[in-house]
Protein backbone atom coordinates (compact mmCIF):
# COMPACT_ATOMS: atom_id res chain seq x y z
CA MET A 1 104.14 91.17 82.36
CA ALA A 2 106.60 90.56 85.18
CA LYS A 3 110.14 89.37 84.44
CA SER A 4 112.63 87.85 86.86
CA ARG A 5 116.34 88.53 87.05
CA ARG A 6 118.44 85.74 88.47
CA GLY A 7 119.97 86.40 91.88
CA ARG A 8 123.31 84.97 93.01
CA GLY A 9 122.21 82.05 95.13
CA GLY A 10 119.17 83.88 96.51
CA PRO A 11 115.82 85.32 95.47
CA GLU A 12 115.43 86.85 92.04
CA SER A 13 114.59 90.42 91.20
CA VAL A 14 111.10 90.95 89.86
CA VAL A 15 110.74 93.51 87.06
CA GLU A 16 107.40 94.75 85.77
CA THR A 17 106.13 97.71 83.77
CA VAL A 18 103.69 99.84 85.79
CA HIS A 19 102.05 103.18 85.08
CA GLY A 20 104.97 105.09 86.59
CA GLY A 21 107.66 103.31 84.57
CA VAL A 22 109.63 100.10 85.07
CA ALA A 23 109.31 98.79 88.62
CA GLU A 24 111.90 96.44 90.08
CA LEU A 25 111.72 94.59 93.38
CA ARG A 26 115.34 93.83 94.17
CA PRO A 27 116.27 91.42 96.99
CA ASP A 28 118.38 92.73 99.86
CA ARG A 29 121.49 90.55 100.14
CA GLU A 30 121.93 91.42 103.81
CA ARG A 31 118.34 90.78 105.00
CA PRO A 32 116.84 87.41 103.99
CA ARG A 33 113.35 88.79 103.28
CA GLY A 34 114.29 92.38 102.56
CA TRP A 35 113.37 94.04 99.24
CA THR A 36 114.03 97.40 97.62
CA LEU A 37 111.53 98.93 95.22
CA LEU A 38 113.03 100.88 92.31
CA ILE A 39 111.14 102.79 89.62
CA ASP A 40 113.13 103.40 86.43
CA GLY A 41 116.25 102.59 88.42
CA ALA A 42 115.56 105.09 91.21
CA PRO A 43 115.26 103.55 94.71
CA GLN A 44 111.83 104.36 96.15
CA SER A 45 111.41 102.31 99.31
CA HIS A 46 112.56 99.25 101.22
CA VAL A 47 110.58 96.52 102.99
CA ASP A 48 111.69 93.74 105.33
CA LEU A 49 108.89 91.17 105.48
CA ASP A 50 110.40 89.65 108.63
CA ASP A 51 110.60 93.02 110.38
CA PRO A 52 108.12 95.61 109.03
CA ALA A 53 109.25 98.05 111.73
CA TYR A 54 112.71 98.19 110.11
CA LEU A 55 113.23 101.34 108.04
CA GLU A 56 116.26 101.33 105.73
CA PHE A 57 116.02 104.74 104.05
CA ALA A 58 116.88 107.88 106.02
CA TYR A 59 113.76 109.79 104.97
CA GLN A 60 111.54 106.86 105.97
CA ARG A 61 113.22 106.70 109.38
CA ARG A 62 112.34 110.38 109.82
CA LEU A 63 108.74 109.68 108.86
CA GLY A 64 108.82 106.80 111.34
CA HIS A 65 109.88 109.16 114.12
CA ILE A 66 106.92 111.39 113.30
CA ALA A 67 104.54 108.42 113.36
CA ASP A 68 105.98 107.40 116.74
CA LEU A 69 105.35 110.88 118.16
CA ALA A 70 101.90 111.45 116.63
CA ALA A 71 100.23 109.78 119.64
CA PRO A 72 101.25 107.98 122.86
CA PRO A 73 103.06 104.65 122.26
CA GLY A 74 100.76 101.83 121.24
CA LYS A 75 97.71 104.02 120.72
CA PRO A 76 95.97 103.21 117.40
CA LEU A 77 96.25 105.88 114.74
CA GLN A 78 93.99 106.80 111.87
CA ALA A 79 96.51 107.47 109.13
CA VAL A 80 96.32 108.52 105.49
CA HIS A 81 99.20 107.83 103.12
CA LEU A 82 99.29 109.89 99.93
CA GLY A 83 101.50 107.71 97.77
CA GLY A 84 102.00 104.04 98.52
CA GLY A 85 105.24 102.77 97.02
CA ALA A 86 105.96 99.41 98.66
CA LEU A 87 103.56 100.34 101.52
CA THR A 88 106.56 100.67 103.84
CA MET A 89 105.13 103.31 106.17
CA ALA A 90 101.72 101.64 106.34
CA ARG A 91 103.48 98.40 107.35
CA TYR A 92 105.52 100.28 109.94
CA ILE A 93 102.48 101.84 111.59
CA ALA A 94 100.57 98.53 111.51
CA ALA A 95 103.51 96.81 113.22
CA THR A 96 104.14 99.48 115.85
CA ARG A 97 100.52 100.43 116.52
CA PRO A 98 98.23 97.38 116.39
CA ARG A 99 94.61 98.23 115.55
CA ALA A 100 95.66 101.31 113.56
CA THR A 101 93.27 102.13 110.71
CA GLN A 102 95.00 103.28 107.54
CA GLN A 103 94.09 104.43 104.06
CA VAL A 104 96.71 104.38 101.29
CA ILE A 105 95.97 106.46 98.20
CA GLU A 106 98.10 105.34 95.27
CA ILE A 107 97.16 106.07 91.66
CA ASP A 108 99.44 103.41 90.15
CA ALA A 109 97.18 100.34 90.35
CA PRO A 110 99.66 97.97 88.58
CA LEU A 111 102.34 98.96 91.12
CA VAL A 112 99.96 98.21 94.00
CA GLN A 113 99.15 94.83 92.46
CA LEU A 114 102.85 94.00 92.08
CA VAL A 115 103.66 94.98 95.66
CA ARG A 116 100.69 93.16 97.18
CA ARG A 117 101.46 90.03 95.16
CA GLN A 118 105.20 89.89 95.87
CA LEU A 119 105.27 91.55 99.30
CA PRO A 120 101.90 90.61 100.85
CA LEU A 121 100.49 92.48 103.82
CA GLU A 122 99.93 90.53 107.03
CA SER A 123 96.42 89.37 107.73
CA GLY A 124 94.67 91.45 110.35
CA TRP A 125 96.30 94.72 109.33
CA ARG A 126 93.63 97.34 108.79
CA ILE A 127 95.05 98.88 105.61
CA LYS A 128 92.79 99.93 102.74
CA VAL A 129 94.43 100.82 99.43
CA ARG A 130 92.57 103.09 97.00
CA GLY A 131 93.70 103.42 93.38
CA VAL A 132 93.02 107.10 92.71
CA ASP A 133 94.93 110.37 92.40
CA ALA A 134 96.25 111.57 95.76
CA ARG A 135 94.36 114.87 95.79
CA ALA A 136 91.12 113.28 94.59
CA GLY A 137 91.45 110.59 97.24
CA LEU A 138 92.21 113.13 99.94
CA ALA A 139 88.99 114.96 99.06
CA LYS A 140 87.08 111.81 100.04
CA ILE A 141 88.54 111.69 103.55
CA PRO A 142 85.96 112.96 106.09
CA ASP A 143 86.64 116.21 107.93
CA GLY A 144 88.90 115.66 110.95
CA TRP A 145 89.28 111.91 110.33
CA ALA A 146 93.08 111.54 110.33
CA ASP A 147 95.58 111.66 113.18
CA LEU A 148 98.42 111.59 110.66
CA ILE A 149 98.67 112.36 106.95
CA ILE A 150 101.89 111.44 105.14
CA ALA A 151 102.51 112.84 101.65
CA ASP A 152 105.15 110.88 99.74
CA VAL A 153 104.04 111.16 96.12
CA PHE A 154 106.43 111.07 93.19
CA GLY A 155 105.74 110.69 89.49
CA GLY A 156 108.87 110.32 87.40
CA ALA A 157 110.93 111.18 90.55
CA ARG A 158 109.04 114.51 90.88
CA THR A 159 106.25 115.62 93.21
CA PRO A 160 103.28 116.53 90.97
CA ALA A 161 102.47 120.24 90.87
CA HIS A 162 98.87 119.87 92.10
CA LEU A 163 100.19 118.44 95.39
CA THR A 164 102.29 121.50 96.21
CA SER A 165 99.75 124.34 96.55
CA THR A 166 98.04 126.17 99.39
CA GLU A 167 94.74 124.72 98.17
CA PHE A 168 96.14 121.20 98.52
CA VAL A 169 97.55 121.88 102.00
CA GLY A 170 94.17 123.34 102.98
CA GLU A 171 92.59 120.00 102.06
CA VAL A 172 95.18 118.26 104.25
CA ARG A 173 94.25 120.41 107.24
CA ARG A 174 90.55 119.81 106.65
CA ALA A 175 91.07 116.04 106.83
CA LEU A 176 93.23 116.22 109.98
CA ARG A 177 91.76 116.16 113.45
CA PRO A 178 92.76 119.08 115.71
CA GLY A 179 96.30 118.35 116.86
CA GLY A 180 96.96 115.95 113.99
CA PHE A 181 100.29 115.79 112.15
CA TYR A 182 101.01 116.45 108.48
CA ALA A 183 104.32 115.03 107.22
CA ALA A 184 105.63 115.51 103.69
CA ASN A 185 108.66 114.02 101.98
CA LEU A 186 110.16 116.73 99.76
CA ALA A 187 113.12 116.42 97.39
CA ASP A 188 115.22 119.33 96.18
CA GLY A 189 118.75 120.51 95.48
CA PRO A 190 120.61 123.79 95.15
CA PRO A 191 119.38 126.53 95.18
CA LEU A 192 116.49 124.90 97.15
CA ARG A 193 113.88 127.10 95.51
CA PHE A 194 111.22 124.36 95.56
CA LEU A 195 111.81 123.48 99.21
CA ARG A 196 111.65 127.10 100.35
CA GLY A 197 108.45 127.60 98.37
CA GLN A 198 106.89 124.60 100.08
CA LEU A 199 107.78 125.94 103.50
CA ALA A 200 106.16 129.27 102.65
CA THR A 201 103.09 127.43 101.32
CA VAL A 202 102.56 125.21 104.34
CA ARG A 203 103.08 128.16 106.70
CA THR A 204 99.95 129.81 105.25
CA VAL A 205 97.88 126.88 106.54
CA PHE A 206 99.65 125.50 109.64
CA PRO A 207 101.03 127.66 112.48
CA GLU A 208 103.74 125.18 113.53
CA MET A 209 106.39 123.58 111.31
CA CYS A 210 109.79 121.97 111.45
CA LEU A 211 112.07 120.44 108.84
CA THR A 212 114.44 117.45 109.12
CA ALA A 213 117.14 116.73 106.55
CA ASP A 214 120.78 115.89 106.02
CA PRO A 215 122.82 119.00 106.89
CA ALA A 216 124.41 118.97 103.41
CA VAL A 217 120.94 119.20 101.84
CA LEU A 218 119.98 122.11 104.09
CA ARG A 219 123.21 123.90 103.16
CA GLY A 220 122.38 123.50 99.47
CA LYS A 221 125.42 121.30 98.87
CA ARG A 222 123.58 118.38 97.27
CA PHE A 223 120.20 117.08 96.14
CA GLY A 224 118.26 115.07 98.72
CA ASN A 225 115.16 114.52 100.80
CA ALA A 226 113.78 116.77 103.51
CA VAL A 227 110.86 115.79 105.73
CA LEU A 228 108.49 118.57 106.73
CA LEU A 229 106.24 118.24 109.79
CA ALA A 230 103.33 120.64 110.36
CA ALA A 231 100.47 120.90 112.86
CA ASP A 232 98.18 123.32 114.62
CA ARG A 233 99.90 122.63 117.94
CA GLU A 234 103.36 122.68 119.48
CA LEU A 235 105.66 120.12 117.87
CA PRO A 236 107.96 117.64 119.67
CA VAL A 237 111.02 119.39 118.28
CA ALA A 238 113.43 118.36 121.05
CA GLU A 239 112.62 114.66 120.69
CA LEU A 240 112.73 114.82 116.89
CA THR A 241 116.12 116.53 117.12
CA ARG A 242 117.45 113.82 119.44
CA ARG A 243 116.20 111.03 117.19
CA ALA A 244 117.49 112.64 114.00
CA ALA A 245 120.92 113.17 115.53
CA THR A 246 121.23 109.49 116.52
CA ASP A 247 120.05 108.02 113.20
CA PRO A 248 122.61 106.04 111.14
CA HIS A 249 122.48 108.96 108.67
CA ALA A 250 122.23 111.83 111.11
CA GLY A 251 119.87 114.67 110.27
CA ARG A 252 119.35 118.20 111.48
CA VAL A 253 116.04 119.74 112.57
CA GLU A 254 115.24 123.36 111.76
CA HIS A 255 112.42 125.14 113.60
CA GLY A 256 111.23 128.59 114.61
CA ARG A 257 113.32 131.58 113.63
CA ALA A 258 116.01 129.44 111.97
CA LEU A 259 113.39 127.89 109.72
CA ARG A 260 111.87 131.27 108.89
CA ASP A 261 115.34 132.56 108.00
CA PHE A 262 115.91 129.47 105.84
CA THR A 263 112.61 130.09 104.01
CA GLY A 264 113.71 133.64 103.26
CA GLY A 265 111.36 135.63 101.06
CA ALA A 266 109.89 132.64 99.23
CA ALA A 267 106.30 133.12 98.09
CA PRO A 268 103.51 130.62 98.78
CA VAL A 269 102.49 128.43 95.85
CA THR A 270 98.89 128.31 94.59
CA ASP A 271 97.17 126.06 92.07
CA ALA A 272 97.70 128.81 89.51
CA THR A 273 101.49 129.02 90.05
CA ALA A 274 102.40 125.46 91.12
CA VAL A 275 105.11 123.48 89.35
CA ALA A 276 106.42 119.97 89.97
CA SER A 277 109.51 119.46 92.10
CA PRO A 278 112.83 119.55 90.22
CA VAL A 279 114.26 116.60 88.33
CA PRO A 280 116.95 114.87 90.42
CA PRO A 281 120.42 114.92 88.87
CA ALA A 282 121.45 111.57 87.39
CA GLU A 283 124.28 111.08 89.90
CA VAL A 284 121.75 110.87 92.77
CA PHE A 285 120.90 107.31 91.65
CA ASP A 286 124.42 106.16 90.76
């Protein structure tokens, strides 16, 4: 059952227990129809109902850049979102690319119900939400259907192990059209063992990769998000670098030899060896 928390002269927070924990939709005091989704107190995503093309979180801005560069401006995309959250990226693509066709795969049905009830999608958006496990849902996507696949799946603030293996990434490539983009939101901290393992894993499937993150995260100074982009074609590294550098929270893009050096001798992950991403330290959410 949903509970409301009184706001100070504005909208109230909405709190509800979902499969993943306690979800809270907290109003943004600076944007009249802006909301932040938190799960067990950890911020997950942000939505502005008046401006669905607005992206508050740094990692979502980086995913937005990738969506912008996945096809010429305005061209409809066929996109798959593994993990839904507040449906922020699906809203962004619908707003920036009218007539886009999107599938969101989100296992937490009560969370989807909460989000769709409190933060309704605009009529006319071609967004289908499926309440199944991300890997099981991905298996149902036809070969070569997607122009863009975004993986942003967290359970208890960790990426589930079965979404980190070479077998999983192989399924991603199967569902992508030739030239399509795979983008993954990854979270790690020092010594960045998980992140390096993911780079080694994706490299076994895709010939081209780059990584965008806060420089402090890449230096192993703190826990944070890194967005990986992979494809079977040359990537728009120069444009991604320019965009990341001019973001409110500037990021750095690693590619080519520098990225291979960063990966070091990390071994690819398989279904037999996969583990979930590390637990974020408590201070990350303070």
